[in-house]
């Protein structure tokens, strides 16, 4: 299920498949935030993931996301 369709719901487990196409900090935060108990990440975005979570033009957030993905 795409993040756009799952937005606003919580799931017991989420498998987030990340590619560099359309990757942004809000998308990553939303995808990771859908999981209640388990989150698996399939990461094929390479350095694009680190760039996405440290975007400067994104609204300021108070999360551990950038630190967790190796900012």
N, C-alpha and C. Protein backbone atom coordinates (compact mmCIF):
# COMPACT_ATOMS: atom_id res chain seq x y z
N UNK A 1 0.85 -1.16 0.00
CA UNK A 1 0.00 0.00 0.00
C UNK A 1 0.90 1.23 0.00
N UNK A 2 0.69 2.16 -0.89
CA UNK A 2 1.50 3.38 -0.89
C UNK A 2 1.26 4.22 0.37
N UNK A 3 2.25 4.98 0.74
CA UNK A 3 2.15 5.84 1.93
C UNK A 3 0.95 6.77 1.83
N UNK A 4 0.68 7.30 0.65
CA UNK A 4 -0.44 8.24 0.49
C UNK A 4 -1.77 7.60 0.88
N UNK A 5 -1.95 6.33 0.59
CA UNK A 5 -3.20 5.65 0.94
C UNK A 5 -3.24 5.25 2.41
N UNK A 6 -2.10 5.00 3.01
CA UNK A 6 -2.04 4.57 4.40
C UNK A 6 -2.00 5.72 5.38
N UNK A 7 -1.77 6.92 4.90
CA UNK A 7 -1.64 8.09 5.76
C UNK A 7 -2.87 8.21 6.68
N UNK A 8 -2.61 8.48 7.94
CA UNK A 8 -3.69 8.64 8.90
C UNK A 8 -4.09 7.35 9.58
N UNK A 9 -3.45 6.24 9.22
CA UNK A 9 -3.74 4.96 9.87
C UNK A 9 -2.49 4.48 10.57
N UNK A 10 -2.65 3.53 11.46
CA UNK A 10 -1.50 2.89 12.12
C UNK A 10 -1.61 1.40 11.84
N UNK A 11 -0.50 0.76 11.63
CA UNK A 11 -0.45 -0.67 11.33
C UNK A 11 0.43 -1.36 12.36
N UNK A 12 0.13 -2.62 12.69
CA UNK A 12 0.99 -3.34 13.63
C UNK A 12 2.42 -3.49 13.10
N UNK A 13 2.54 -3.73 11.80
CA UNK A 13 3.86 -3.88 11.19
C UNK A 13 3.89 -3.20 9.84
N UNK A 14 5.02 -2.61 9.51
CA UNK A 14 5.19 -1.91 8.23
C UNK A 14 6.51 -2.35 7.61
N UNK A 15 6.48 -2.62 6.32
CA UNK A 15 7.70 -2.84 5.55
C UNK A 15 7.80 -1.64 4.61
N UNK A 16 8.75 -0.77 4.87
CA UNK A 16 8.95 0.43 4.06
C UNK A 16 9.99 0.14 2.99
N UNK A 17 9.60 0.22 1.73
CA UNK A 17 10.51 -0.01 0.61
C UNK A 17 10.86 1.37 0.04
N UNK A 18 12.11 1.79 0.20
CA UNK A 18 12.52 3.14 -0.16
C UNK A 18 13.41 3.12 -1.40
N UNK A 19 13.01 3.90 -2.39
CA UNK A 19 13.81 4.11 -3.59
C UNK A 19 14.06 5.62 -3.70
N UNK A 20 15.02 6.05 -4.50
CA UNK A 20 15.32 7.48 -4.57
C UNK A 20 14.21 8.31 -5.24
N UNK A 21 13.31 7.68 -5.96
CA UNK A 21 12.26 8.41 -6.67
C UNK A 21 11.26 9.03 -5.71
N UNK A 22 11.17 10.34 -5.71
CA UNK A 22 10.19 11.05 -4.90
C UNK A 22 10.43 10.98 -3.40
N UNK A 23 11.62 10.64 -2.99
CA UNK A 23 11.93 10.50 -1.58
C UNK A 23 12.05 11.88 -0.93
N UNK A 24 11.38 12.07 0.19
CA UNK A 24 11.45 13.34 0.91
C UNK A 24 11.35 13.06 2.41
N UNK A 25 11.73 14.01 3.19
CA UNK A 25 11.67 13.86 4.64
C UNK A 25 10.24 13.61 5.12
N UNK A 26 9.25 14.38 4.68
CA UNK A 26 7.88 14.10 5.13
C UNK A 26 7.39 12.71 4.75
N UNK A 27 7.78 12.23 3.56
CA UNK A 27 7.37 10.89 3.14
C UNK A 27 8.00 9.83 4.05
N UNK A 28 9.28 9.96 4.34
CA UNK A 28 9.98 9.00 5.20
C UNK A 28 9.38 9.03 6.61
N UNK A 29 9.17 10.21 7.16
CA UNK A 29 8.62 10.33 8.51
C UNK A 29 7.22 9.72 8.58
N UNK A 30 6.42 9.95 7.55
CA UNK A 30 5.08 9.38 7.52
C UNK A 30 5.13 7.86 7.42
N UNK A 31 5.96 7.35 6.52
CA UNK A 31 6.06 5.90 6.35
C UNK A 31 6.53 5.23 7.63
N UNK A 32 7.55 5.78 8.28
CA UNK A 32 8.08 5.18 9.49
C UNK A 32 7.09 5.30 10.65
N UNK A 33 6.32 6.37 10.66
CA UNK A 33 5.36 6.61 11.74
C UNK A 33 4.11 5.75 11.66
N UNK A 34 3.91 5.03 10.58
CA UNK A 34 2.74 4.17 10.44
C UNK A 34 2.83 2.92 11.30
N UNK A 35 4.04 2.51 11.66
CA UNK A 35 4.25 1.25 12.38
C UNK A 35 3.99 1.41 13.87
N UNK A 36 3.21 0.49 14.42
CA UNK A 36 2.97 0.49 15.88
C UNK A 36 4.03 -0.31 16.61
N UNK A 37 4.32 -1.52 16.13
CA UNK A 37 5.24 -2.40 16.85
C UNK A 37 6.47 -2.80 16.05
N UNK A 38 6.34 -2.93 14.75
CA UNK A 38 7.47 -3.43 13.96
C UNK A 38 7.65 -2.61 12.69
N UNK A 39 8.89 -2.25 12.39
CA UNK A 39 9.21 -1.52 11.16
C UNK A 39 10.40 -2.21 10.50
N UNK A 40 10.20 -2.65 9.27
CA UNK A 40 11.30 -3.19 8.46
C UNK A 40 11.54 -2.22 7.33
N UNK A 41 12.81 -1.94 7.04
CA UNK A 41 13.16 -0.99 5.99
C UNK A 41 13.96 -1.70 4.92
N UNK A 42 13.46 -1.65 3.69
CA UNK A 42 14.18 -2.15 2.53
C UNK A 42 14.68 -0.90 1.83
N UNK A 43 15.97 -0.67 1.89
CA UNK A 43 16.54 0.60 1.47
C UNK A 43 17.34 0.42 0.19
N UNK A 44 16.81 0.95 -0.90
CA UNK A 44 17.53 0.92 -2.19
C UNK A 44 17.77 2.34 -2.67
N UNK A 45 17.71 3.29 -1.75
CA UNK A 45 17.84 4.70 -2.12
C UNK A 45 19.27 5.20 -2.02
N UNK A 46 20.16 4.43 -1.42
CA UNK A 46 21.54 4.86 -1.27
C UNK A 46 21.63 6.15 -0.47
N UNK A 47 22.51 7.05 -0.87
CA UNK A 47 22.69 8.30 -0.13
C UNK A 47 21.48 9.24 -0.23
N UNK A 48 20.53 8.95 -1.11
CA UNK A 48 19.34 9.79 -1.24
C UNK A 48 18.51 9.78 0.04
N UNK A 49 18.55 8.68 0.79
CA UNK A 49 17.80 8.62 2.05
C UNK A 49 18.37 9.61 3.06
N UNK A 50 19.67 9.63 3.22
CA UNK A 50 20.30 10.57 4.16
C UNK A 50 20.03 12.01 3.74
N UNK A 51 20.10 12.29 2.42
CA UNK A 51 19.80 13.65 1.93
C UNK A 51 18.36 14.02 2.21
N UNK A 52 17.45 13.09 2.02
CA UNK A 52 16.01 13.37 2.21
C UNK A 52 15.71 13.73 3.66
N UNK A 53 16.30 13.01 4.62
CA UNK A 53 15.96 13.29 6.01
C UNK A 53 16.65 14.52 6.57
N UNK A 54 17.64 15.05 5.88
CA UNK A 54 18.26 16.29 6.36
C UNK A 54 17.90 17.48 5.49
N UNK A 55 16.85 17.36 4.68
CA UNK A 55 16.39 18.47 3.83
C UNK A 55 16.29 19.75 4.65
N UNK A 56 16.83 20.78 4.15
CA UNK A 56 16.79 22.06 4.85
C UNK A 56 15.47 22.80 4.62
N UNK A 57 14.82 22.56 3.48
CA UNK A 57 13.60 23.29 3.17
C UNK A 57 12.36 22.65 3.80
N UNK A 58 12.52 21.52 4.46
CA UNK A 58 11.41 20.88 5.13
C UNK A 58 11.14 21.59 6.46
N UNK A 59 9.90 21.57 6.91
CA UNK A 59 9.60 22.17 8.22
C UNK A 59 10.40 21.50 9.33
N UNK A 60 10.77 22.26 10.32
CA UNK A 60 11.55 21.72 11.44
C UNK A 60 10.76 20.64 12.17
N UNK A 61 11.44 19.53 12.51
CA UNK A 61 10.81 18.44 13.24
C UNK A 61 11.68 18.10 14.44
N UNK A 62 11.07 17.50 15.43
CA UNK A 62 11.80 17.07 16.61
C UNK A 62 11.73 15.55 16.68
N UNK A 63 12.47 14.91 15.77
CA UNK A 63 12.50 13.45 15.73
C UNK A 63 13.94 12.97 15.72
N UNK A 64 14.13 11.68 15.89
CA UNK A 64 15.45 11.07 15.83
C UNK A 64 15.77 10.55 14.43
N UNK A 65 14.93 10.82 13.45
CA UNK A 65 15.04 10.24 12.12
C UNK A 65 16.40 10.45 11.48
N UNK A 66 16.89 11.67 11.42
CA UNK A 66 18.18 11.94 10.78
C UNK A 66 19.31 11.19 11.46
N UNK A 67 19.30 11.15 12.78
CA UNK A 67 20.34 10.44 13.51
C UNK A 67 20.28 8.94 13.26
N UNK A 68 19.08 8.38 13.16
CA UNK A 68 18.92 6.94 12.97
C UNK A 68 19.38 6.46 11.61
N UNK A 69 19.27 7.29 10.58
CA UNK A 69 19.68 6.86 9.25
C UNK A 69 21.07 7.36 8.86
N UNK A 70 21.80 7.87 9.82
CA UNK A 70 23.21 8.20 9.58
C UNK A 70 23.46 9.58 9.01
N UNK A 71 22.75 10.54 9.45
CA UNK A 71 22.95 11.91 9.00
C UNK A 71 24.32 12.33 9.15
